[in-house]
Amino acid sequence: LKIHDKILPSSEYEQLKFLDTHIHHNYLKMIEAVFSNFIYPFAANERINRKKPLDGLDIFNRVEELIKAKFNYLCEPYSNTIRNAIAHGSVEYKQLEVIYKDKRILESLSFSEMIDKFDQLVDICNGLSCGIRLFYLVNLEFMQKMYIRIPRQIMIGEMKAQAKAPGWRIFSCLETNMPKNKQLVIFAQCTALNTLEVQY
């Protein structure tokens, strides 16, 4: 994230402003859009093993499933209180701390503690992302055999790595419907100036 390239502010006002404008928004976004989806397969697998339905498997229940299954190390940066407080605007800024309120539960963190929690969340999401990508690539033959579609983001990453050449790069792809099947349109940027570079 771009905010990781910023030098953390030293004054109290700037620290609180940094939390309010950068950290809280991105923490909530990472929880809802990334972390929640990455831990879903683990949580769903636990319920399936216990022959329980997958209904009501929201972020809170997914985390509970992981804790029961001894995957609690993945859930350390997640706080239901902080998540709900940010989502519902129940954050109170004090002189040396920030108080997150969720119904009757309060959680208090300093500026540096919240920064650490957010950084840990980013690290865990990156680790899960690498693990899922590796799983797809190692089991590619099985995936194709079972007609399991590989996520487009993983395909783009592999195409970029395999098609790397001087003068051009793949930057995106788009799946389109054809009359009889589907087609993958690959977008590449070429900066080659002569025929030899194009044929490289």
Protein backbone atom coordinates (compact mmCIF):
# COMPACT_ATOMS: atom_id res chain seq x y z
CA LEU A 1 0.00 0.00 0.00
CA LYS A 2 1.11 3.57 -0.65
CA ILE A 3 0.76 4.45 3.02
CA HIS A 4 3.65 2.08 3.80
CA ASP A 5 5.94 4.48 1.94
CA LYS A 6 5.00 7.33 4.27
CA ILE A 7 7.01 8.32 7.32
CA LEU A 8 4.80 7.99 10.37
CA PRO A 9 3.91 11.35 11.92
CA SER A 10 5.45 12.33 15.24
CA SER A 11 2.93 14.88 16.54
CA GLU A 12 -0.15 13.64 18.35
CA TYR A 13 -2.59 15.50 16.08
CA GLU A 14 -0.96 14.14 12.92
CA GLN A 15 -0.97 10.61 14.36
CA LEU A 16 -4.71 10.71 15.08
CA LYS A 17 -5.36 12.23 11.66
CA PHE A 18 -3.26 9.47 10.05
CA LEU A 19 -5.30 6.80 11.83
CA ASP A 20 -8.57 8.43 10.83
CA THR A 21 -7.77 9.06 7.17
CA HIS A 22 -5.53 6.08 6.30
CA ILE A 23 -5.37 3.22 8.79
CA HIS A 24 -9.01 2.79 9.83
CA HIS A 25 -10.38 2.88 6.29
CA ASN A 26 -7.78 0.41 5.00
CA TYR A 27 -8.08 -1.88 8.04
CA LEU A 28 -11.82 -2.22 7.48
CA LYS A 29 -11.36 -2.69 3.73
CA MET A 30 -8.71 -5.38 4.24
CA ILE A 31 -10.92 -7.23 6.73
CA GLU A 32 -14.06 -7.13 4.59
CA ALA A 33 -12.63 -7.62 1.10
CA VAL A 34 -9.44 -9.62 1.60
CA PHE A 35 -9.02 -11.34 4.98
CA SER A 36 -12.65 -12.47 5.14
CA ASN A 37 -12.45 -14.17 1.74
CA PHE A 38 -9.05 -15.75 2.36
CA ILE A 39 -10.13 -17.47 5.58
CA TYR A 40 -13.47 -18.66 4.18
CA PRO A 41 -12.10 -21.99 2.78
CA PHE A 42 -10.58 -22.84 6.19
CA ALA A 43 -13.80 -22.03 8.05
CA ALA A 44 -16.02 -23.80 5.50
CA ASN A 45 -13.82 -26.91 5.66
CA GLU A 46 -14.17 -27.03 9.45
CA ARG A 47 -17.96 -26.88 9.22
CA ILE A 48 -18.11 -29.47 6.44
CA ASN A 49 -15.95 -31.83 8.52
CA ARG A 50 -18.45 -31.46 11.38
CA LYS A 51 -21.34 -31.89 8.90
CA LYS A 52 -22.66 -28.45 9.77
CA PRO A 53 -24.36 -26.06 7.29
CA LEU A 54 -22.45 -23.10 5.84
CA ASP A 55 -25.29 -20.68 6.59
CA GLY A 56 -24.43 -17.58 8.61
CA LEU A 57 -20.71 -17.93 8.03
CA ASP A 58 -19.94 -14.22 8.33
CA ILE A 59 -16.55 -12.78 9.26
CA PHE A 60 -17.15 -13.19 13.02
CA ASN A 61 -18.12 -16.87 12.67
CA ARG A 62 -15.26 -17.55 10.24
CA VAL A 63 -12.79 -16.29 12.81
CA GLU A 64 -14.45 -18.39 15.52
CA GLU A 65 -14.11 -21.49 13.34
CA LEU A 66 -10.40 -20.80 12.80
CA ILE A 67 -9.78 -20.30 16.52
CA LYS A 68 -11.47 -23.62 17.32
CA ALA A 69 -9.34 -25.32 14.63
CA LYS A 70 -6.09 -23.99 16.12
CA PHE A 71 -5.59 -21.45 13.32
CA ASN A 72 -5.81 -18.66 15.87
CA TYR A 73 -2.43 -17.24 14.75
CA LEU A 74 -4.16 -16.15 11.53
CA CYS A 75 -6.74 -14.20 13.52
CA GLU A 76 -4.43 -12.19 15.80
CA PRO A 77 -4.78 -8.89 13.89
CA TYR A 78 -8.57 -9.24 13.69
CA SER A 79 -10.68 -7.57 16.34
CA ASN A 80 -14.46 -7.72 16.05
CA THR A 81 -14.72 -4.72 18.38
CA ILE A 82 -12.38 -2.59 16.26
CA ARG A 83 -14.00 -3.72 13.03
CA ASN A 84 -17.51 -2.83 14.25
CA ALA A 85 -16.40 0.45 15.82
CA ILE A 86 -14.82 1.64 12.57
CA ALA A 87 -17.76 0.42 10.46
CA HIS A 88 -20.36 2.10 12.68
CA GLY A 89 -18.44 5.28 13.52
CA SER A 90 -17.93 4.43 17.20
CA VAL A 91 -14.29 5.49 17.47
CA GLU A 92 -13.28 7.94 20.19
CA TYR A 93 -9.93 9.74 20.01
CA LYS A 94 -8.25 10.47 23.33
CA GLN A 95 -4.93 12.11 24.15
CA LEU A 96 -2.74 9.00 24.18
CA GLU A 97 -5.16 6.34 23.01
CA VAL A 98 -8.00 5.51 20.67
CA ILE A 99 -11.10 3.84 22.11
CA TYR A 100 -13.14 1.49 19.92
CA LYS A 101 -16.70 0.88 21.08
CA ASP A 102 -18.95 -2.03 20.12
CA LYS A 103 -22.17 -2.18 22.12
CA ARG A 104 -20.90 -2.82 25.67
CA ILE A 105 -17.35 -3.81 24.72
CA LEU A 106 -14.50 -1.29 24.68
CA GLU A 107 -11.02 -1.78 23.29
CA SER A 108 -8.30 0.80 23.78
CA LEU A 109 -5.13 1.01 21.68
CA SER A 110 -2.29 3.47 21.32
CA PHE A 111 -1.29 4.85 17.92
CA SER A 112 1.65 2.44 17.58
CA GLU A 113 -0.45 -0.57 18.68
CA MET A 114 -3.04 0.10 15.96
CA ILE A 115 -0.30 0.56 13.36
CA ASP A 116 1.22 -2.79 14.42
CA LYS A 117 -2.18 -4.48 14.20
CA PHE A 118 -2.74 -3.14 10.70
CA ASP A 119 0.77 -4.15 9.55
CA GLN A 120 0.23 -7.65 10.93
CA LEU A 121 -3.05 -7.89 9.02
CA VAL A 122 -1.28 -6.93 5.78
CA ASP A 123 1.43 -9.54 6.43
CA ILE A 124 -1.10 -12.30 7.08
CA CYS A 125 -3.14 -11.41 3.99
CA ASN A 126 0.04 -11.44 1.88
CA GLY A 127 1.00 -14.82 3.32
CA LEU A 128 -2.44 -16.30 2.64
CA SER A 129 -2.36 -14.88 -0.88
CA CYS A 130 0.99 -16.55 -1.60
CA GLY A 131 -0.22 -19.82 -0.10
CA ILE A 132 -3.42 -19.90 -2.17
CA ARG A 133 -1.50 -19.02 -5.33
CA LEU A 134 1.02 -21.80 -4.67
CA PHE A 135 -1.84 -24.24 -4.05
CA TYR A 136 -3.37 -23.45 -7.44
CA LEU A 137 -0.06 -23.76 -9.29
CA VAL A 138 1.02 -27.00 -7.62
CA ASN A 139 -2.41 -28.56 -8.28
CA LEU A 140 -2.89 -27.08 -11.76
CA GLU A 141 -3.46 -30.43 -13.47
CA PHE A 142 -6.11 -31.43 -10.92
CA MET A 143 -7.82 -28.04 -11.26
CA GLN A 144 -8.08 -28.40 -15.02
CA LYS A 145 -9.31 -31.97 -14.73
CA MET A 146 -12.07 -30.91 -12.30
CA TYR A 147 -12.92 -27.79 -14.37
CA ILE A 148 -12.01 -25.49 -11.49
CA ARG A 149 -11.28 -22.05 -12.84
CA ILE A 150 -8.06 -20.38 -11.77
CA PRO A 151 -8.60 -16.80 -10.57
CA ARG A 152 -7.73 -14.22 -13.20
CA GLN A 153 -5.28 -12.44 -10.90
CA ILE A 154 -3.18 -15.61 -10.58
CA MET A 155 -3.22 -16.15 -14.35
CA ILE A 156 -2.06 -12.57 -14.96
CA GLY A 157 0.81 -13.02 -12.51
CA GLU A 158 1.97 -16.23 -14.20
CA MET A 159 1.62 -14.78 -17.70
CA LYS A 160 3.66 -11.74 -16.67
CA ALA A 161 6.42 -13.97 -15.31
CA GLN A 162 6.52 -16.35 -18.29
CA ALA A 163 6.16 -13.69 -20.99
CA LYS A 164 8.71 -11.27 -19.56
CA ALA A 165 10.82 -9.81 -22.35
CA PRO A 166 12.61 -6.54 -23.11
CA GLY A 167 10.37 -3.90 -24.61
CA TRP A 168 6.96 -5.22 -23.64
CA ARG A 169 4.87 -6.34 -20.71
CA ILE A 170 1.47 -7.90 -19.99
CA PHE A 171 -0.59 -5.67 -17.71
CA SER A 172 -4.10 -7.15 -17.77
CA CYS A 173 -6.50 -9.64 -19.29
CA LEU A 174 -10.23 -9.86 -19.86
CA GLU A 175 -12.46 -12.88 -20.41
CA THR A 176 -15.05 -12.46 -23.17
CA ASN A 177 -17.85 -14.65 -24.50
CA MET A 178 -17.56 -16.00 -28.04
CA PRO A 179 -20.38 -17.69 -30.02
CA LYS A 180 -19.25 -21.21 -29.02
CA ASN A 181 -16.85 -20.70 -26.12
CA LYS A 182 -14.93 -18.13 -24.11
CA GLN A 183 -11.83 -16.21 -25.06
CA LEU A 184 -9.12 -14.63 -22.95
CA VAL A 185 -8.06 -11.23 -24.27
CA ILE A 186 -4.56 -10.30 -23.13
CA PHE A 187 -3.53 -6.66 -22.93
CA ALA A 188 0.16 -5.95 -23.45
CA GLN A 189 2.20 -2.77 -23.69
CA CYS A 190 4.98 -2.73 -26.27
CA THR A 191 7.84 -0.23 -26.37
CA ALA A 192 9.89 -2.07 -29.00
CA LEU A 193 11.25 0.21 -31.71
CA ASN A 194 12.46 -2.29 -34.29
CA THR A 195 11.66 -5.74 -35.73
CA LEU A 196 14.45 -7.54 -33.86
CA GLU A 197 13.07 -6.40 -30.49
CA VAL A 198 9.58 -7.56 -31.45
CA GLN A 199 10.90 -11.01 -32.46
CA TYR A 200 12.97 -11.42 -29.27
